């Protein structure tokens, strides 16, 4: 019997469109003999929709038309079984669209990758692929991530953290930056990916402009030293806290001072069509997104440096409590020859399949492994006791009128 796999993508995030591409790439590569795939598109208003058309990339050129072809839905736990239900409920007939065995969130950015969606799935009791709530939240918050990694001996750049209200007195931010960081400096939102809102400031005026841009996307920003002689190296890790393995390393090319959103998604070779059967028909997907970025694989580094980075990536993955596949981005300072961990992507674009294929791991097998790891975590969670028998509610308590239901009870239909 095939596993009923609910693939969730989209969401209220600046990386909404990238998530669609990543998810449909994965759907095209999943083994159709093992999985009954249920695509669930999350709109920018956080509404869930499902249909065969949701698995077709061409349909996203006109999303309003796509939604008219699709069924709005919600996930519900009914008698211990999670089901995808149509919403609003119709009065007659079944509202069940499908049972769901496991969820596969392929989402990027705030409100979805940061533990929010993972917490929803955990509350439902639905096993899901990827990092749990804590690892997702820590991985998204660059400041918390740096703190945890630094405490565990993983090298990261020092930074300054500012909140939106600090920007009311930008001269204080500028003075502290000049004292602690210097110029050039990188300004970045604390919880975004895909290089959104990130820029380099070379002087005080540039810093004001960078802060203004970053605070448009987040309420907390970081400022850190910009490495002028910079080589960026990325490495993916697959596994869990028990056992994890590193992929090949890549060296992304960039045409700007930093690897920008445009570098990642709007340049580098266009798209390449692939197809996969879902529900008896063929879906269109694309090898665009992160897979089309201009890069060197393997990276142009020494074997010793390669193993240093791969080892550091596995250590960081385990320290942060990750699960499934993550991509970890590093920086090499050419002036000091030091390596720093820059950030982790707990649900990387394209799930970093292009870093695994060079070492003999096809994308379909990588996806299988991620699902196996999620089911393993579910078995481990099921062995933990989450209830404690107590007679505390048999005591005498008095909470005023609410004890008899009161006004609240009457509104809710209380029979007291």
Protein backbone atom coordinates (compact mmCIF):
# COMPACT_ATOMS: atom_id res chain seq x y z
CA UNK A 1 0.00 0.00 0.00
CA UNK A 2 1.36 3.41 -0.94
CA UNK A 3 2.10 6.01 1.74
CA UNK A 4 -0.33 8.94 1.59
CA UNK A 5 2.11 11.84 1.43
CA UNK A 6 0.82 15.42 1.79
CA UNK A 7 3.28 17.88 0.23
CA UNK A 8 2.77 21.39 1.66
CA UNK A 9 4.20 24.45 -0.08
CA UNK A 10 3.75 28.20 -0.57
CA UNK A 11 2.66 30.19 2.49
CA UNK A 12 2.83 33.74 3.79
CA UNK A 13 6.50 34.34 3.05
CA UNK A 14 8.70 36.45 0.78
CA UNK A 15 10.01 33.10 -0.48
CA UNK A 16 6.54 31.93 -1.52
CA UNK A 17 7.35 31.51 -5.21
CA UNK A 18 10.65 29.73 -4.52
CA UNK A 19 8.77 27.26 -2.33
CA UNK A 20 6.43 26.41 -5.22
CA UNK A 21 9.39 25.63 -7.47
CA UNK A 22 11.14 23.52 -4.81
CA UNK A 23 7.98 21.54 -4.03
CA UNK A 24 7.07 20.79 -7.62
CA UNK A 25 10.64 19.67 -8.31
CA UNK A 26 10.31 17.23 -5.41
CA UNK A 27 6.87 16.00 -6.52
CA UNK A 28 8.32 15.29 -9.98
CA UNK A 29 11.09 13.19 -8.41
CA UNK A 30 9.16 11.23 -5.77
CA UNK A 31 8.76 7.51 -6.44
CA UNK A 32 5.12 7.17 -7.55
CA UNK A 33 5.11 3.45 -6.73
CA UNK A 34 5.74 4.24 -3.04
CA UNK A 35 3.73 7.41 -2.45
CA UNK A 36 0.22 8.62 -3.12
CA UNK A 37 1.06 12.31 -3.41
CA UNK A 38 -1.41 14.95 -2.23
CA UNK A 39 -0.24 18.45 -3.23
CA UNK A 40 -1.46 21.19 -0.87
CA UNK A 41 -0.79 24.77 -1.90
CA UNK A 42 -0.80 27.39 0.88
CA UNK A 43 -1.74 30.86 -0.39
CA UNK A 44 -0.15 34.08 0.81
CA UNK A 45 -3.28 34.46 2.97
CA UNK A 46 -2.52 31.08 4.62
CA UNK A 47 -5.44 29.27 2.98
CA UNK A 48 -4.96 25.63 1.96
CA UNK A 49 -5.98 24.35 -1.50
CA UNK A 50 -5.58 21.00 -3.21
CA UNK A 51 -6.10 19.66 -6.72
CA UNK A 52 -4.19 17.84 -9.42
CA UNK A 53 -3.53 21.25 -10.99
CA UNK A 54 -1.67 22.32 -7.84
CA UNK A 55 1.14 19.99 -8.93
CA UNK A 56 1.54 21.67 -12.34
CA UNK A 57 4.01 24.56 -12.59
CA UNK A 58 2.24 26.19 -15.54
CA UNK A 59 -0.89 26.74 -13.42
CA UNK A 60 0.95 29.21 -11.18
CA UNK A 61 1.09 31.79 -13.96
CA UNK A 62 -2.53 32.53 -13.01
CA UNK A 63 -3.07 31.70 -9.34
CA UNK A 64 -6.67 33.04 -9.09
CA UNK A 65 -7.64 30.68 -11.93
CA UNK A 66 -5.79 27.83 -10.21
CA UNK A 67 -7.72 28.35 -6.99
CA UNK A 68 -11.03 28.16 -8.86
CA UNK A 69 -10.00 24.72 -10.14
CA UNK A 70 -8.95 23.61 -6.65
CA UNK A 71 -10.68 22.66 -3.40
CA UNK A 72 -10.08 24.66 -0.27
CA UNK A 73 -9.17 22.30 2.56
CA UNK A 74 -7.94 21.87 6.12
CA UNK A 75 -6.11 19.14 8.01
CA UNK A 76 -8.02 17.61 10.93
CA UNK A 77 -7.34 14.90 13.48
CA UNK A 78 -10.48 12.74 13.62
CA UNK A 79 -10.43 9.82 16.06
CA UNK A 80 -6.64 9.70 15.98
CA UNK A 81 -6.40 9.76 12.18
CA UNK A 82 -5.35 12.86 10.28
CA UNK A 83 -7.50 13.62 7.26
CA UNK A 84 -7.51 16.32 4.64
CA UNK A 85 -11.02 17.77 4.67
CA UNK A 86 -12.82 20.10 2.28
CA UNK A 87 -13.60 23.49 3.79
CA UNK A 88 -16.17 24.89 4.24
CA UNK A 89 -17.94 21.58 4.90
CA UNK A 90 -20.72 20.66 2.55
CA UNK A 91 -24.01 19.62 4.18
CA UNK A 92 -24.42 16.31 2.38
CA UNK A 93 -21.92 13.62 1.45
CA UNK A 94 -18.40 13.05 2.65
CA UNK A 95 -16.06 15.97 3.33
CA UNK A 96 -12.98 13.74 3.44
CA UNK A 97 -10.60 14.39 0.56
CA UNK A 98 -7.96 11.93 1.72
CA UNK A 99 -6.39 10.31 4.74
CA UNK A 100 -2.83 11.54 5.35
CA UNK A 101 0.00 9.36 6.67
CA UNK A 102 2.79 11.92 6.65
CA UNK A 103 3.34 15.56 5.69
CA UNK A 104 6.27 16.88 3.67
CA UNK A 105 6.61 20.65 4.19
CA UNK A 106 8.65 22.16 1.37
CA UNK A 107 8.37 25.75 2.46
CA UNK A 108 10.84 28.59 2.81
CA UNK A 109 10.97 31.60 5.10
CA UNK A 110 9.04 33.10 7.97
CA UNK A 111 5.59 31.84 8.99
CA UNK A 112 6.26 28.41 7.47
CA UNK A 113 9.90 27.26 7.75
CA UNK A 114 10.45 28.84 11.18
CA UNK A 115 8.60 26.21 13.24
CA UNK A 116 5.13 27.71 12.77
CA UNK A 117 3.90 25.10 10.30
CA UNK A 118 5.83 22.37 12.08
CA UNK A 119 4.07 23.21 15.35
CA UNK A 120 0.68 22.97 13.62
CA UNK A 121 1.53 19.54 12.23
CA UNK A 122 2.86 18.37 15.58
CA UNK A 123 -0.33 19.52 17.33
CA UNK A 124 -2.35 17.47 14.83
CA UNK A 125 -0.22 14.43 15.61
CA UNK A 126 0.85 14.17 11.98
CA UNK A 127 4.44 13.02 11.35
CA UNK A 128 6.31 15.39 9.08
CA UNK A 129 9.56 15.49 7.14
CA UNK A 130 12.40 17.76 8.22
CA UNK A 131 13.42 19.63 11.33
CA UNK A 132 11.20 19.75 14.39
CA UNK A 133 9.77 22.92 15.92
CA UNK A 134 12.83 23.92 17.95
CA UNK A 135 15.44 23.27 15.26
CA UNK A 136 13.29 25.08 12.69
CA UNK A 137 12.88 28.14 14.93
CA UNK A 138 16.55 28.29 15.93
CA UNK A 139 17.72 27.80 12.36
CA UNK A 140 15.53 30.66 11.15
CA UNK A 141 16.67 33.17 13.77
CA UNK A 142 20.23 34.00 12.73
CA UNK A 143 21.07 35.57 16.09
CA UNK A 144 19.89 32.60 18.16
CA UNK A 145 21.60 30.25 15.70
CA UNK A 146 24.90 32.11 16.07
CA UNK A 147 24.62 32.00 19.86
CA UNK A 148 24.01 28.25 19.97
CA UNK A 149 26.78 27.48 17.48
CA UNK A 150 29.30 29.79 19.16
CA UNK A 151 28.59 28.11 22.51
CA UNK A 152 29.41 24.77 20.88
CA UNK A 153 32.68 25.82 19.28
CA UNK A 154 31.45 26.40 15.72
CA UNK A 155 33.06 29.60 14.32
CA UNK A 156 30.64 32.39 13.40
CA UNK A 157 31.14 36.12 12.82
CA UNK A 158 30.37 38.42 15.73
CA UNK A 159 27.32 40.60 15.15
CA UNK A 160 25.18 43.38 16.56
CA UNK A 161 21.42 42.93 16.99
CA UNK A 162 18.92 45.78 16.72
CA UNK A 163 15.14 45.95 16.92
CA UNK A 164 12.84 48.26 14.95
CA UNK A 165 12.48 50.78 17.79
CA UNK A 166 16.27 51.25 17.82
CA UNK A 167 15.99 52.70 14.32
CA UNK A 168 14.26 55.75 15.83
CA UNK A 169 17.80 56.83 16.80
CA UNK A 170 19.94 55.66 13.86
CA UNK A 171 22.94 57.68 15.07
CA UNK A 172 23.27 55.30 18.03
CA UNK A 173 23.25 52.28 15.71
CA UNK A 174 25.85 53.95 13.50
CA UNK A 175 28.11 54.79 16.47
CA UNK A 176 27.93 51.24 17.83
CA UNK A 177 28.55 49.76 14.41
CA UNK A 178 31.63 51.95 13.86
CA UNK A 179 32.95 50.96 17.30
CA UNK A 180 32.26 47.22 17.21
CA UNK A 181 32.08 46.23 13.52
CA UNK A 182 33.48 48.93 11.23
CA UNK A 183 32.94 49.30 7.48
CA UNK A 184 32.14 47.64 5.19
CA UNK A 185 29.33 45.97 7.13
CA UNK A 186 26.54 43.60 6.12
CA UNK A 187 23.00 44.35 7.29
CA UNK A 188 20.49 41.52 7.21
CA UNK A 189 17.02 40.69 8.54
CA UNK A 190 17.34 38.20 11.38
CA UNK A 191 14.89 35.66 9.98
CA UNK A 192 14.78 35.75 6.18
CA UNK A 193 16.43 33.66 3.51
CA UNK A 194 17.11 33.93 -0.23
CA UNK A 195 19.21 37.06 0.48
CA UNK A 196 16.05 39.17 0.79
CA UNK A 197 16.72 42.50 2.55
CA UNK A 198 20.48 41.90 2.78
CA UNK A 199 22.94 44.58 1.65
CA UNK A 200 26.47 45.86 2.22
CA UNK A 201 27.05 49.29 3.79
CA UNK A 202 30.34 51.05 3.06
CA UNK A 203 29.75 54.21 5.07
CA UNK A 204 27.26 55.91 7.42
CA UNK A 205 24.85 56.95 4.68
CA UNK A 206 24.96 53.45 3.23
CA UNK A 207 24.26 51.99 6.67
CA UNK A 208 21.13 54.12 7.07
CA UNK A 209 19.89 52.98 3.68
CA UNK A 210 20.65 49.32 4.43
CA UNK A 211 18.87 49.52 7.79
CA UNK A 212 15.84 51.12 6.20
CA UNK A 213 15.69 48.32 3.63
CA UNK A 214 16.20 45.51 6.16
CA UNK A 215 13.54 46.82 8.55
CA UNK A 216 10.99 46.64 5.74
CA UNK A 217 11.21 42.86 5.94
CA UNK A 218 11.78 42.19 9.66
CA UNK A 219 11.51 43.74 13.10
CA UNK A 220 15.01 42.56 14.07
CA UNK A 221 18.19 43.03 12.03
CA UNK A 222 21.82 41.99 12.43
CA UNK A 223 24.97 43.87 11.47
CA UNK A 224 28.22 41.99 10.98
CA UNK A 225 31.57 42.55 9.38
CA UNK A 226 31.62 42.21 5.61
CA UNK A 227 34.46 39.96 4.48
CA UNK A 228 36.07 41.78 1.55
CA UNK A 229 38.10 38.81 0.23
CA UNK A 230 35.23 36.35 0.39
CA UNK A 231 34.75 32.83 -0.93
CA UNK A 232 31.34 31.29 -0.27
CA UNK A 233 31.04 27.52 0.08
CA UNK A 234 27.81 25.59 0.65
CA UNK A 235 27.36 22.04 1.88
CA UNK A 236 24.26 19.96 2.54
CA UNK A 237 23.76 17.47 5.38
CA UNK A 238 21.29 14.58 5.57
CA UNK A 239 20.42 12.65 8.72
CA UNK A 240 19.42 13.27 12.31
CA UNK A 241 21.16 13.76 15.65
CA UNK A 242 22.12 10.06 15.73
CA UNK A 243 23.82 9.95 12.35
CA UNK A 244 24.38 12.51 9.62
CA UNK A 245 26.32 12.71 6.37
CA UNK A 246 27.65 15.60 4.29
CA UNK A 247 27.18 16.16 0.57
CA UNK A 248 29.60 17.54 -1.98
CA UNK A 249 30.58 21.19 -1.57
CA UNK A 250 29.61 23.92 -4.01
CA UNK A 251 31.03 27.35 -4.74
CA UNK A 252 28.22 29.65 -5.94
CA UNK A 253 29.11 32.39 -8.41
CA UNK A 254 27.87 35.91 -7.81
CA UNK A 255 27.77 39.08 -9.88
CA UNK A 256 26.99 41.38 -6.92
CA UNK A 257 28.84 42.03 -3.65
CA UNK A 258 26.70 39.39 -2.03
CA UNK A 259 24.88 36.38 -3.46
CA UNK A 260 21.59 38.16 -4.15
CA UNK A 261 18.07 36.92 -4.83
CA UNK A 262 18.64 37.75 -8.51
CA UNK A 263 21.85 35.68 -8.55
CA UNK A 264 20.04 32.73 -7.03
CA UNK A 265 16.81 32.61 -8.98
CA UNK A 266 16.78 34.98 -11.96
CA UNK A 267 20.11 34.13 -13.58
CA UNK A 268 22.15 31.10 -14.39
CA UNK A 269 20.84 28.98 -17.16
CA UNK A 270 17.08 29.29 -17.29
CA UNK A 271 14.88 26.30 -16.66
CA UNK A 272 14.78 22.76 -17.81
CA UNK A 273 11.52 20.83 -17.99
CA UNK A 274 11.06 17.48 -16.38
CA UNK A 275 7.96 15.41 -15.91
CA UNK A 276 6.57 12.97 -13.39
CA UNK A 277 3.34 11.08 -13.18
CA UNK A 278 0.93 11.97 -10.40
CA UNK A 279 -2.52 10.47 -10.20
CA UNK A 280 -2.19 8.90 -13.62
CA UNK A 281 -1.23 12.08 -15.48
CA UNK A 282 1.97 13.91 -16.14
CA UNK A 283 2.98 17.00 -14.18
CA UNK A 284 5.35 19.66 -15.37
CA UNK A 285 8.20 20.68 -13.10
CA UNK A 286 11.32 22.71 -13.54
CA UNK A 287 15.00 22.37 -12.81
CA UNK A 288 15.18 26.11 -12.23
CA UNK A 289 15.51 27.83 -8.84
CA UNK A 290 18.62 26.98 -6.87
CA UNK A 291 19.42 24.17 -9.30
CA UNK A 292 20.02 26.68 -12.11
CA UNK A 293 22.38 28.92 -10.12
CA UNK A 294 25.84 29.33 -11.67
CA UNK A 295 28.17 27.35 -9.43
CA UNK A 296 31.24 25.17 -9.23
CA UNK A 297 30.58 21.61 -8.08
CA UNK A 298 32.81 20.45 -6.55
CA UNK A 299 34.03 23.70 -5.08
CA UNK A 300 37.49 24.93 -5.99
CA UNK A 301 39.04 24.19 -2.58
CA UNK A 302 41.71 21.83 -1.29
CA UNK A 303 40.75 18.33 -0.10
CA UNK A 304 41.71 19.38 3.42
CA UNK A 305 39.44 22.45 3.32
CA UNK A 306 36.63 20.35 1.84
CA UNK A 307 36.76 17.90 4.73
CA UNK A 308 37.01 20.75 7.26
CA UNK A 309 33.80 22.29 5.92
CA UNK A 310 31.96 18.97 5.60
CA UNK A 311 32.89 18.04 9.15
CA UNK A 312 31.84 21.45 10.46
CA UNK A 313 28.54 21.15 8.59
CA UNK A 314 27.71 17.81 10.23
CA UNK A 315 28.64 19.15 13.66
CA UNK A 316 26.42 22.21 13.24
CA UNK A 317 23.55 20.06 11.95
CA UNK A 318 23.69 17.87 15.06
CA UNK A 319 24.22 20.75 17.49
CA UNK A 320 21.08 22.45 16.18
CA UNK A 321 19.10 19.21 16.38
CA UNK A 322 18.27 19.06 12.68
CA UNK A 323 16.51 16.28 10.79
CA UNK A 324 16.12 15.46 7.12
CA UNK A 325 18.16 17.62 4.74
CA UNK A 326 19.59 21.06 5.46
CA UNK A 327 22.02 23.26 3.55
CA UNK A 328 24.73 25.05 5.50
CA UNK A 329 26.49 28.07 4.02
CA UNK A 330 30.07 28.96 4.88
CA UNK A 331 32.39 31.91 4.29
CA UNK A 332 36.15 31.76 3.82
CA UNK A 333 38.02 34.96 4.72
CA UNK A 334 40.83 35.16 2.18
CA UNK A 335 42.83 37.58 4.36
CA UNK A 336 42.96 35.26 7.38
CA UNK A 337 42.16 31.92 5.69
CA UNK A 338 39.51 31.30 8.37
CA UNK A 339 36.20 29.55 7.79
CA UNK A 340 32.98 30.86 9.33
CA UNK A 341 29.54 29.33 9.29
CA UNK A 342 27.18 31.90 7.80
CA UNK A 343 23.71 30.36 8.09
CA UNK A 344 21.68 27.18 7.90
CA UNK A 345 18.70 26.56 5.64
CA UNK A 346 16.58 23.93 7.38
CA UNK A 347 14.45 23.47 4.23
CA UNK A 348 16.83 24.42 1.44
CA UNK A 349 15.80 25.50 -2.04
CA UNK A 350 15.38 22.45 -4.29
CA UNK A 351 16.21 20.50 -1.09
CA UNK A 352 19.81 20.73 -2.34
CA UNK A 353 19.50 17.66 -4.57
CA UNK A 354 22.21 19.09 -6.85
CA UNK A 355 24.74 18.68 -4.01
CA UNK A 356 23.92 14.99 -3.55
CA UNK A 357 23.82 13.79 -7.13
CA UNK A 358 27.62 14.35 -7.59
CA UNK A 359 28.33 11.81 -4.82
CA UNK A 360 25.95 9.22 -6.24
CA UNK A 361 22.68 9.98 -4.40
CA UNK A 362 19.81 10.47 -6.87
CA UNK A 363 17.07 12.89 -5.88
CA UNK A 364 14.42 10.17 -5.49
CA UNK A 365 16.62 8.30 -3.00
CA UNK A 366 17.34 11.51 -1.08
CA UNK A 367 13.59 12.12 -0.73
CA UNK A 368 13.07 8.52 0.39
CA UNK A 369 15.71 8.98 3.08
CA UNK A 370 14.07 12.17 4.37
CA UNK A 371 10.73 10.38 4.68
CA UNK A 372 12.38 7.40 6.43
CA UNK A 373 13.95 9.78 8.95
CA UNK A 374 10.58 11.39 9.66
CA UNK A 375 8.97 8.01 10.29
CA UNK A 376 11.87 7.04 12.55
CA UNK A 377 11.33 10.21 14.63
CA UNK A 378 7.62 9.37 14.84
CA UNK A 379 8.43 5.92 16.24
CA UNK A 380 10.78 7.47 18.79
CA UNK A 381 8.18 10.06 19.82
CA UNK A 382 5.56 7.33 20.23
CA UNK A 383 7.81 5.61 22.78
CA UNK A 384 7.84 8.70 25.04
CA UNK A 385 5.26 9.09 27.80
CA UNK A 386 3.31 12.34 27.36
CA UNK A 387 0.67 11.83 30.07
CA UNK A 388 0.86 11.61 33.83
CA UNK A 389 -2.02 10.16 35.84
CA UNK A 390 -3.12 12.50 38.62
CA UNK A 391 -6.21 13.17 40.74
CA UNK A 392 -5.64 16.93 40.78
CA UNK A 393 -9.00 17.67 39.12
CA UNK A 394 -10.86 15.88 41.88
CA UNK A 395 -10.05 18.75 44.26
CA UNK A 396 -12.43 21.51 45.28
CA UNK A 397 -12.10 24.55 43.01
CA UNK A 398 -14.25 27.64 42.65
CA UNK A 399 -13.90 30.06 39.75
CA UNK A 400 -17.02 32.16 40.21
CA UNK A 401 -19.82 32.06 37.65
CA UNK A 402 -17.68 30.14 35.14
CA UNK A 403 -18.10 27.05 37.35
CA UNK A 404 -21.70 26.83 36.16
CA UNK A 405 -20.91 27.97 32.67
CA UNK A 406 -22.13 31.57 33.17
CA UNK A 407 -22.33 33.86 30.15
CA UNK A 408 -19.50 32.01 28.42
CA UNK A 409 -21.25 28.70 28.91
CA UNK A 410 -24.50 30.01 27.43
CA UNK A 411 -22.66 31.31 24.39
CA UNK A 412 -20.99 27.95 23.86
CA UNK A 413 -24.19 25.99 24.39
CA UNK A 414 -23.43 24.79 27.92
CA UNK A 415 -26.03 22.38 29.38
CA UNK A 416 -25.20 23.28 33.01
